[in-house]
Structure formats: structure tokens, C-alpha cells
Protein backbone atom coordinates (compact mmCIF):
# COMPACT_ATOMS: atom_id res chain seq x y z
CA UNK A 1 -42.74 29.59 -5.08
CA UNK A 2 -41.37 28.17 -8.36
CA UNK A 3 -38.37 30.39 -8.13
CA UNK A 4 -37.80 29.25 -4.55
CA UNK A 5 -37.76 25.58 -5.78
CA UNK A 6 -35.34 26.35 -8.63
CA UNK A 7 -33.13 28.28 -6.11
CA UNK A 8 -33.16 25.18 -3.71
CA UNK A 9 -32.39 22.88 -6.72
CA UNK A 10 -29.46 25.20 -7.72
CA UNK A 11 -27.96 25.18 -4.19
CA UNK A 12 -28.33 21.35 -3.93
CA UNK A 13 -26.59 20.97 -7.29
CA UNK A 14 -23.76 23.31 -6.13
CA UNK A 15 -23.48 21.34 -2.98
CA UNK A 16 -23.07 18.10 -4.95
CA UNK A 17 -20.45 19.70 -7.22
CA UNK A 18 -18.63 21.04 -4.27
CA UNK A 19 -18.68 17.61 -2.62
CA UNK A 20 -17.42 15.89 -5.84
CA UNK A 21 -14.59 18.40 -6.10
CA UNK A 22 -13.77 17.95 -2.42
CA UNK A 23 -13.68 14.15 -2.84
CA UNK A 24 -11.64 14.50 -5.92
CA UNK A 25 -9.07 16.62 -4.27
CA UNK A 26 -8.78 14.27 -1.41
CA UNK A 27 -8.25 11.37 -3.85
CA UNK A 28 -5.67 13.38 -5.82
CA UNK A 29 -3.87 14.38 -2.72
CA UNK A 30 -3.42 10.73 -1.83
CA UNK A 31 -2.12 9.97 -5.27
CA UNK A 32 -0.33 13.36 -5.50
CA UNK A 33 2.80 11.94 -3.78
CA UNK A 34 3.41 9.92 -6.87
CA UNK A 35 7.20 10.00 -6.25
CA UNK A 36 6.50 8.62 -2.80
CA UNK A 37 5.18 5.15 -3.93
CA UNK A 38 8.64 4.63 -5.61
CA UNK A 39 10.14 4.80 -2.14
CA UNK A 40 7.31 2.62 -0.89
CA UNK A 41 8.18 -0.19 -3.32
CA UNK A 42 10.07 -3.34 -2.67
CA UNK A 43 11.38 -5.28 -5.67
CA UNK A 44 12.11 -8.99 -5.67
CA UNK A 45 14.93 -9.86 -8.04
CA UNK A 46 17.60 -12.58 -8.16
CA UNK A 47 16.04 -14.22 -5.11
CA UNK A 48 16.43 -11.07 -2.95
CA UNK A 49 14.33 -8.01 -1.93
CA UNK A 50 15.53 -4.50 -2.48
CA UNK A 51 15.52 -2.42 -0.63
CA UNK A 52 15.55 -4.59 2.57
CA UNK A 53 14.43 -1.69 4.83
CA UNK A 54 12.11 1.20 4.10
CA UNK A 55 10.39 3.79 6.19
CA UNK A 56 6.86 5.01 5.38
CA UNK A 57 4.37 7.36 6.78
CA UNK A 58 1.26 6.04 8.57
CA UNK A 59 -1.70 5.19 6.14
CA UNK A 60 0.81 4.17 3.38
CA UNK A 61 0.62 1.00 1.38
CA UNK A 62 3.75 -0.80 0.33
CA UNK A 63 4.06 -2.25 -3.14
CA UNK A 64 5.91 -5.49 -3.80
CA UNK A 65 7.10 -6.27 -7.33
CA UNK A 66 8.16 -9.72 -8.38
CA UNK A 67 10.78 -9.17 -10.98
CA UNK A 68 12.31 -12.59 -10.18
CA UNK A 69 11.87 -15.73 -12.37
CA UNK A 70 9.99 -17.62 -9.65
CA UNK A 71 6.91 -17.38 -7.37
CA UNK A 72 7.26 -15.58 -4.01
CA UNK A 73 4.92 -15.58 -1.06
CA UNK A 74 5.62 -12.37 0.99
CA UNK A 75 4.22 -12.25 4.57
CA UNK A 76 4.72 -10.57 7.82
CA UNK A 77 7.02 -11.81 10.52
CA UNK A 78 7.20 -13.94 12.51
CA UNK A 79 7.16 -17.17 10.46
CA UNK A 80 4.78 -19.10 10.40
CA UNK A 81 2.28 -16.96 12.29
CA UNK A 82 2.64 -13.82 10.28
CA UNK A 83 1.21 -11.53 13.06
CA UNK A 84 3.65 -8.47 13.14
CA UNK A 85 1.80 -6.52 10.56
CA UNK A 86 -1.05 -8.40 9.08
CA UNK A 87 -1.43 -5.59 6.53
CA UNK A 88 1.67 -7.02 4.84
CA UNK A 89 -0.02 -10.48 4.45
CA UNK A 90 -2.21 -8.96 1.74
CA UNK A 91 0.69 -9.15 -0.62
CA UNK A 92 0.91 -12.95 -0.43
CA UNK A 93 1.66 -15.00 -3.61
CA UNK A 94 3.31 -13.05 -6.31
CA UNK A 95 3.98 -14.79 -9.68
CA UNK A 96 6.79 -13.50 -11.84
CA UNK A 97 6.09 -10.04 -13.20
CA UNK A 98 3.23 -9.62 -10.73
CA UNK A 99 2.89 -6.80 -8.18
CA UNK A 100 0.59 -6.30 -5.21
CA UNK A 101 0.12 -3.69 -2.39
CA UNK A 102 -0.17 -4.29 1.36
CA UNK A 103 -3.01 -3.01 3.26
CA UNK A 104 -2.94 0.43 4.83
CA UNK A 105 -0.09 0.59 7.40
CA UNK A 106 -1.90 2.81 9.96
CA UNK A 107 0.02 2.01 13.20
CA UNK A 108 3.59 3.47 13.91
CA UNK A 109 5.80 0.44 14.46
CA UNK A 110 8.55 -1.77 12.80
CA UNK A 111 7.30 -4.80 10.87
CA UNK A 112 9.53 -7.55 9.51
CA UNK A 113 8.64 -9.51 6.42
CA UNK A 114 9.88 -12.60 4.63
CA UNK A 115 9.10 -15.07 1.90
CA UNK A 116 6.89 -17.77 3.46
CA UNK A 117 8.24 -20.38 1.16
CA UNK A 118 11.81 -19.54 2.01
CA UNK A 119 11.69 -18.01 5.55
CA UNK A 120 15.44 -18.59 6.35
CA UNK A 121 16.79 -16.81 3.25
CA UNK A 122 18.12 -13.46 4.75
CA UNK A 123 18.07 -11.94 1.26
CA UNK A 124 14.31 -12.34 1.17
CA UNK A 125 13.74 -10.67 4.52
CA UNK A 126 13.27 -7.07 5.35
CA UNK A 127 11.62 -4.47 7.48
CA UNK A 128 9.08 -1.71 7.03
CA UNK A 129 9.16 1.13 9.61
CA UNK A 130 5.83 2.97 9.90
CA UNK A 131 6.18 6.42 11.30
């Protein structure tokens, strides 16, 4: 009976290890496309966003980096409702030198974004196409 309990404990331990490895590999596969986030990054510099248009896969987050000398408030179109892609509204206020990611963009569509504090500045507007 004692050997049976030890065997059961060993099987349970192996299952926990397998689960941990499985979860780790899922995590690393989501971070494995490390080159991908570079293409999923929008930089704000000299009062403009670059690139102004990007295409990402569903489930992706977009990173906004404020390399400018002033605060920006990045939100989804249309202004002032910000309802196209509410996931982009998670970026919000960015102080100079700060970066922040959007929520997961899970629905295939095209989303506009802008600087809420300067919504008419075409240089601070862009689109994210989710495929």
C-alpha cells in the first residue's frame, strides 16, 4: 500500500512538472516573437507618431513609446468617444520617456487612434489593422 501511495505521489509530481513546463512553453511562445513587438511598436517623437499605420495579428498588444519632450494622451478614434478599439485606450497618458501597451487586440478590424489632447494633429493620428 505504501508503494502505491508513493507511486501516486510520483505521478502527481510528474503531472505538476508537465503542467509547469506546458505553461512555460505557452508563455515563451507568446514572448518568442520578440522581433514581432518591434513591429508592434509606435513611437511618438517630434510631435508625430511613427509608423502611422501598422498591421498586427489578433491577440497582439501594441506598445506606444513617448520619445517626445511633452505628454501625450493616446486613445482610440473617434474623438472624443474613443470607441473604435477600446483596447487602445489602455495606453492613455504617456509622460516623456514612458511606454505603455494596449490591451489585447482580439477582433479583426481597423482601428484609428489619436492624441486626445491634440486630436486634429494629423501627425499624431494613425491606424492599427488587426488581422
